[in-house]
Amino acid sequence: MFKNMLAPVQAWLMSQGKCVGCSKPLPKGEGKEPVRVVCTCGRIYMYDPATNKYRRALLNEIK
C-alpha cells in the first residue's frame, strides 16, 4: 500500500529530471548511448540522451 502512494511521486520527480531521494536536479550525461549518472546523495541512475529520460540503474549496471 505504501509503495502505491510513493510510486507516482517518484515517477513525477524522475520525469522532471530530479533525484527521488533528495529531489536535486540530476546532471545530464553526454554521448549517444545510456550514461551512468550519480546523484550527490549516492543514488545511481541511467540517462538516455535519445529519449531524454532517467531511470534507476539495475544491479548489473552498478558494477
PDB file of N, CA and C in Angstrom:
ATOM      1  N   MET A   1       0.822  -1.187   0.000  1.00  0.00           N
ATOM      2  CA  MET A   1       0.000   0.000   0.000  1.00  0.00           C
ATOM      3  C   MET A   1       0.870   1.256   0.000  1.00  0.00           C
ATOM      4  N   PHE A   2       1.948   1.246   0.799  1.00  0.00           N
ATOM      5  CA  PHE A   2       2.832   2.402   0.886  1.00  0.00           C
ATOM      6  C   PHE A   2       3.522   2.663  -0.455  1.00  0.00           C
ATOM      7  N   LYS A   3       3.882   1.582  -1.159  1.00  0.00           N
ATOM      8  CA  LYS A   3       4.525   1.726  -2.465  1.00  0.00           C
ATOM      9  C   LYS A   3       3.568   2.352  -3.482  1.00  0.00           C
ATOM     10  N   ASN A   4       2.292   2.035  -3.384  1.00  0.00           N
ATOM     11  CA  ASN A   4       1.298   2.603  -4.303  1.00  0.00           C
ATOM     12  C   ASN A   4       1.154   4.111  -4.137  1.00  0.00           C
ATOM     13  N   MET A   5       1.468   4.622  -2.960  1.00  0.00           N
ATOM     14  CA  MET A   5       1.384   6.064  -2.732  1.00  0.00           C
ATOM     15  C   MET A   5       2.647   6.778  -3.203  1.00  0.00           C
ATOM     16  N   LEU A   6       3.803   6.127  -3.076  1.00  0.00           N
ATOM     17  CA  LEU A   6       5.075   6.764  -3.424  1.00  0.00           C
ATOM     18  C   LEU A   6       5.429   6.668  -4.900  1.00  0.00           C
ATOM     19  N   ALA A   7       4.998   5.641  -5.577  1.00  0.00           N
ATOM     20  CA  ALA A   7       5.381   5.421  -6.976  1.00  0.00           C
ATOM     21  C   ALA A   7       5.014   6.592  -7.890  1.00  0.00           C
ATOM     22  N   PRO A   8       3.829   7.176  -7.808  1.00  0.00           N
ATOM     23  CA  PRO A   8       3.529   8.317  -8.679  1.00  0.00           C
ATOM     24  C   PRO A   8       4.404   9.540  -8.401  1.00  0.00           C
ATOM     25  N   VAL A   9       4.731   9.762  -7.146  1.00  0.00           N
ATOM     26  CA  VAL A   9       5.589  10.903  -6.792  1.00  0.00           C
ATOM     27  C   VAL A   9       6.994  10.685  -7.339  1.00  0.00           C
ATOM     28  N   GLN A  10       7.518   9.471  -7.192  1.00  0.00           N
ATOM     29  CA  GLN A  10       8.848   9.165  -7.709  1.00  0.00           C
ATOM     30  C   GLN A  10       8.876   9.260  -9.235  1.00  0.00           C
ATOM     31  N   ALA A  11       7.849   8.794  -9.899  1.00  0.00           N
ATOM     32  CA  ALA A  11       7.783   8.879 -11.358  1.00  0.00           C
ATOM     33  C   ALA A  11       7.743  10.331 -11.814  1.00  0.00           C
ATOM     34  N   TRP A  12       7.016  11.164 -11.094  1.00  0.00           N
ATOM     35  CA  TRP A  12       6.955  12.585 -11.435  1.00  0.00           C
ATOM     36  C   TRP A  12       8.317  13.253 -11.249  1.00  0.00           C
ATOM     37  N   LEU A  13       9.004  12.950 -10.143  1.00  0.00           N
ATOM     38  CA  LEU A  13      10.332  13.527  -9.909  1.00  0.00           C
ATOM     39  C   LEU A  13      11.304  13.127 -11.015  1.00  0.00           C
ATOM     40  N   MET A  14      11.294  11.867 -11.398  1.00  0.00           N
ATOM     41  CA  MET A  14      12.217  11.411 -12.436  1.00  0.00           C
ATOM     42  C   MET A  14      11.860  12.020 -13.788  1.00  0.00           C
ATOM     43  N   SER A  15      10.588  12.256 -14.058  1.00  0.00           N
ATOM     44  CA  SER A  15      10.212  12.889 -15.323  1.00  0.00           C
ATOM     45  C   SER A  15      10.672  14.345 -15.363  1.00  0.00           C
ATOM     46  N   GLN A  16      10.834  14.952 -14.199  1.00  0.00           N
ATOM     47  CA  GLN A  16      11.329  16.319 -14.105  1.00  0.00           C
ATOM     48  C   GLN A  16      12.857  16.370 -14.086  1.00  0.00           C
ATOM     49  N   GLY A  17      13.523  15.195 -14.081  1.00  0.00           N
ATOM     50  CA  GLY A  17      14.984  15.142 -14.048  1.00  0.00           C
ATOM     51  C   GLY A  17      15.547  15.376 -12.662  1.00  0.00           C
ATOM     52  N   LYS A  18      14.810  14.949 -11.622  1.00  0.00           N
ATOM     53  CA  LYS A  18      15.245  15.139 -10.243  1.00  0.00           C
ATOM     54  C   LYS A  18      15.401  13.792  -9.549  1.00  0.00           C
ATOM     55  N   CYS A  19      16.261  13.771  -8.543  1.00  0.00           N
ATOM     56  CA  CYS A  19      16.511  12.554  -7.765  1.00  0.00           C
ATOM     57  C   CYS A  19      15.296  12.238  -6.898  1.00  0.00           C
ATOM     58  N   VAL A  20      14.971  10.953  -6.752  1.00  0.00           N
ATOM     59  CA  VAL A  20      13.827  10.561  -5.937  1.00  0.00           C
ATOM     60  C   VAL A  20      14.151  10.613  -4.451  1.00  0.00           C
ATOM     61  N   GLY A  21      15.435  10.668  -4.088  1.00  0.00           N
ATOM     62  CA  GLY A  21      15.822  10.700  -2.686  1.00  0.00           C
ATOM     63  C   GLY A  21      15.950  12.094  -2.124  1.00  0.00           C
ATOM     64  N   CYS A  22      16.649  12.970  -2.849  1.00  0.00           N
ATOM     65  CA  CYS A  22      16.912  14.312  -2.328  1.00  0.00           C
ATOM     66  C   CYS A  22      16.262  15.407  -3.163  1.00  0.00           C
ATOM     67  N   SER A  23      15.655  15.071  -4.269  1.00  0.00           N
ATOM     68  CA  SER A  23      14.956  15.958  -5.213  1.00  0.00           C
ATOM     69  C   SER A  23      15.848  17.054  -5.801  1.00  0.00           C
ATOM     70  N   LYS A  24      17.154  16.817  -5.838  1.00  0.00           N
ATOM     71  CA  LYS A  24      18.057  17.746  -6.509  1.00  0.00           C
ATOM     72  C   LYS A  24      18.089  17.413  -7.997  1.00  0.00           C
ATOM     73  N   PRO A  25      18.341  18.416  -8.846  1.00  0.00           N
ATOM     74  CA  PRO A  25      18.417  18.145 -10.292  1.00  0.00           C
ATOM     75  C   PRO A  25      19.563  17.189 -10.616  1.00  0.00           C
ATOM     76  N   LEU A  26      19.289  16.245 -11.511  1.00  0.00           N
ATOM     77  CA  LEU A  26      20.307  15.287 -11.925  1.00  0.00           C
ATOM     78  C   LEU A  26      21.114  15.857 -13.085  1.00  0.00           C
ATOM     79  N   PRO A  27      22.430  15.604 -13.102  1.00  0.00           N
ATOM     80  CA  PRO A  27      23.237  16.075 -14.233  1.00  0.00           C
ATOM     81  C   PRO A  27      22.920  15.267 -15.478  1.00  0.00           C
ATOM     82  N   LYS A  28      23.064  15.889 -16.628  1.00  0.00           N
ATOM     83  CA  LYS A  28      22.830  15.187 -17.888  1.00  0.00           C
ATOM     84  C   LYS A  28      24.141  14.590 -18.355  1.00  0.00           C
ATOM     85  N   GLY A  29      24.081  13.361 -18.819  1.00  0.00           N
ATOM     86  CA  GLY A  29      25.257  12.702 -19.354  1.00  0.00           C
ATOM     87  C   GLY A  29      25.483  13.085 -20.803  1.00  0.00           C
ATOM     88  N   GLU A  30      26.654  12.764 -21.297  1.00  0.00           N
ATOM     89  CA  GLU A  30      26.986  13.066 -22.688  1.00  0.00           C
ATOM     90  C   GLU A  30      27.124  11.778 -23.473  1.00  0.00           C
ATOM     91  N   GLY A  31      26.910  11.847 -24.764  1.00  0.00           N
ATOM     92  CA  GLY A  31      27.036  10.683 -25.626  1.00  0.00           C
ATOM     93  C   GLY A  31      25.718  10.323 -26.262  1.00  0.00           C
ATOM     94  N   LYS A  32      25.742   9.198 -27.005  1.00  0.00           N
ATOM     95  CA  LYS A  32      24.531   8.762 -27.704  1.00  0.00           C
ATOM     96  C   LYS A  32      23.904   7.533 -27.073  1.00  0.00           C
ATOM     97  N   GLU A  33      24.598   6.872 -26.191  1.00  0.00           N
ATOM     98  CA  GLU A  33      24.042   5.691 -25.532  1.00  0.00           C
ATOM     99  C   GLU A  33      23.802   6.005 -24.065  1.00  0.00           C
ATOM    100  N   PRO A  34      23.049   5.170 -23.357  1.00  0.00           N
ATOM    101  CA  PRO A  34      22.749   5.443 -21.948  1.00  0.00           C
ATOM    102  C   PRO A  34      24.017   5.641 -21.114  1.00  0.00           C
ATOM    103  N   VAL A  35      23.966   6.655 -20.245  1.00  0.00           N
ATOM    104  CA  VAL A  35      25.111   7.053 -19.433  1.00  0.00           C
ATOM    105  C   VAL A  35      24.761   6.897 -17.963  1.00  0.00           C
ATOM    106  N   ARG A  36      25.731   6.443 -17.176  1.00  0.00           N
ATOM    107  CA  ARG A  36      25.551   6.301 -15.736  1.00  0.00           C
ATOM    108  C   ARG A  36      25.702   7.674 -15.076  1.00  0.00           C
ATOM    109  N   VAL A  37      24.718   8.053 -14.255  1.00  0.00           N
ATOM    110  CA  VAL A  37      24.714   9.336 -13.566  1.00  0.00           C
ATOM    111  C   VAL A  37      24.574   9.064 -12.074  1.00  0.00           C
ATOM    112  N   VAL A  38      25.443   9.690 -11.261  1.00  0.00           N
ATOM    113  CA  VAL A  38      25.396   9.512  -9.813  1.00  0.00           C
ATOM    114  C   VAL A  38      24.972  10.827  -9.174  1.00  0.00           C
ATOM    115  N   CYS A  39      23.937  10.778  -8.351  1.00  0.00           N
ATOM    116  CA  CYS A  39      23.452  11.957  -7.646  1.00  0.00           C
ATOM    117  C   CYS A  39      24.375  12.269  -6.471  1.00  0.00           C
ATOM    118  N   THR A  40      24.254  13.460  -5.918  1.00  0.00           N
ATOM    119  CA  THR A  40      25.068  13.837  -4.772  1.00  0.00           C
ATOM    120  C   THR A  40      24.728  13.017  -3.527  1.00  0.00           C
ATOM    121  N   CYS A  41      23.525  12.462  -3.472  1.00  0.00           N
ATOM    122  CA  CYS A  41      23.132  11.644  -2.325  1.00  0.00           C
ATOM    123  C   CYS A  41      23.572  10.193  -2.483  1.00  0.00           C
ATOM    124  N   GLY A  42      24.100   9.817  -3.652  1.00  0.00           N
ATOM    125  CA  GLY A  42      24.623   8.470  -3.851  1.00  0.00           C
ATOM    126  C   GLY A  42      23.766   7.556  -4.694  1.00  0.00           C
ATOM    127  N   ARG A  43      22.567   7.951  -5.047  1.00  0.00           N
ATOM    128  CA  ARG A  43      21.726   7.106  -5.892  1.00  0.00           C
ATOM    129  C   ARG A  43      22.254   7.119  -7.327  1.00  0.00           C
ATOM    130  N   ILE A  44      22.128   5.982  -7.977  1.00  0.00           N
ATOM    131  CA  ILE A  44      22.678   5.827  -9.320  1.00  0.00           C
ATOM    132  C   ILE A  44      21.526   5.695 -10.318  1.00  0.00           C
ATOM    133  N   TYR A  45      21.620   6.455 -11.398  1.00  0.00           N
ATOM    134  CA  TYR A  45      20.602   6.474 -12.445  1.00  0.00           C
ATOM    135  C   TYR A  45      21.267   6.225 -13.787  1.00  0.00           C
ATOM    136  N   MET A  46      20.451   5.884 -14.759  1.00  0.00           N
ATOM    137  CA  MET A  46      20.893   5.781 -16.147  1.00  0.00           C
ATOM    138  C   MET A  46      20.139   6.842 -16.926  1.00  0.00           C
ATOM    139  N   TYR A  47      20.891   7.649 -17.701  1.00  0.00           N
ATOM    140  CA  TYR A  47      20.298   8.701 -18.516  1.00  0.00           C
ATOM    141  C   TYR A  47      20.403   8.304 -19.975  1.00  0.00           C
ATOM    142  N   ASP A  48      19.271   8.328 -20.679  1.00  0.00           N
ATOM    143  CA  ASP A  48      19.237   8.002 -22.099  1.00  0.00           C
ATOM    144  C   ASP A  48      19.076   9.294 -22.886  1.00  0.00           C
ATOM    145  N   PRO A  49      20.160   9.770 -23.550  1.00  0.00           N
ATOM    146  CA  PRO A  49      20.064  11.034 -24.276  1.00  0.00           C
ATOM    147  C   PRO A  49      19.112  10.995 -25.476  1.00  0.00           C
ATOM    148  N   ALA A  50      18.880   9.827 -26.044  1.00  0.00           N
ATOM    149  CA  ALA A  50      17.982   9.727 -27.198  1.00  0.00           C
ATOM    150  C   ALA A  50      16.542  10.056 -26.808  1.00  0.00           C
ATOM    151  N   THR A  51      16.123   9.612 -25.626  1.00  0.00           N
ATOM    152  CA  THR A  51      14.758   9.867 -25.170  1.00  0.00           C
ATOM    153  C   THR A  51      14.695  10.973 -24.125  1.00  0.00           C
ATOM    154  N   ASN A  52      15.850  11.432 -23.640  1.00  0.00           N
ATOM    155  CA  ASN A  52      15.952  12.485 -22.627  1.00  0.00           C
ATOM    156  C   ASN A  52      15.234  12.082 -21.337  1.00  0.00           C
ATOM    157  N   LYS A  53      15.426  10.811 -20.913  1.00  0.00           N
ATOM    158  CA  LYS A  53      14.767  10.295 -19.711  1.00  0.00           C
ATOM    159  C   LYS A  53      15.773   9.623 -18.791  1.00  0.00           C
ATOM    160  N   TYR A  54      15.426   9.601 -17.503  1.00  0.00           N
ATOM    161  CA  TYR A  54      16.216   8.922 -16.489  1.00  0.00           C
ATOM    162  C   TYR A  54      15.480   7.685 -16.026  1.00  0.00           C
ATOM    163  N   ARG A  55      16.249   6.722 -15.497  1.00  0.00           N
ATOM    164  CA  ARG A  55      15.664   5.567 -14.824  1.00  0.00           C
ATOM    165  C   ARG A  55      16.671   5.103 -13.792  1.00  0.00           C
ATOM    166  N   ARG A  56      16.192   4.351 -12.788  1.00  0.00           N
ATOM    167  CA  ARG A  56      17.084   3.826 -11.766  1.00  0.00           C
ATOM    168  C   ARG A  56      17.958   2.757 -12.394  1.00  0.00           C
ATOM    169  N   ALA A  57      19.210   2.696 -12.001  1.00  0.00           N
ATOM    170  CA  ALA A  57      20.142   1.721 -12.548  1.00  0.00           C
ATOM    171  C   ALA A  57      19.844   0.330 -11.990  1.00  0.00           C
ATOM    172  N   LEU A  58      20.023  -0.669 -12.834  1.00  0.00           N
ATOM    173  CA  LEU A  58      19.864  -2.057 -12.421  1.00  0.00           C
ATOM    174  C   LEU A  58      21.120  -2.502 -11.684  1.00  0.00           C
ATOM    175  N   LEU A  59      21.023  -3.607 -10.951  1.00  0.00           N
ATOM    176  CA  LEU A  59      22.170  -4.078 -10.180  1.00  0.00           C
ATOM    177  C   LEU A  59      23.383  -4.401 -11.057  1.00  0.00           C
ATOM    178  N   ASN A  60      23.150  -4.962 -12.246  1.00  0.00           N
ATOM    179  CA  ASN A  60      24.284  -5.294 -13.098  1.00  0.00           C
ATOM    180  C   ASN A  60      24.904  -4.058 -13.765  1.00  0.00           C
ATOM    181  N   GLU A  61      24.236  -2.908 -13.715  1.00  0.00           N
ATOM    182  CA  GLU A  61      24.782  -1.672 -14.262  1.00  0.00           C
ATOM    183  C   GLU A  61      25.567  -0.874 -13.216  1.00  0.00           C
ATOM    184  N   ILE A  62      25.461  -1.258 -11.965  1.00  0.00           N
ATOM    185  CA  ILE A  62      26.125  -0.529 -10.890  1.00  0.00           C
ATOM    186  C   ILE A  62      27.610  -0.863 -10.814  1.00  0.00           C
ATOM    187  N   LYS A  63      27.965  -2.071 -11.141  1.00  0.00           N
ATOM    188  CA  LYS A  63      29.361  -2.516 -11.025  1.00  0.00           C
ATOM    189  C   LYS A  63      30.314  -1.650 -11.745  1.00  0.00           C
TER     190      LYS A  63
END
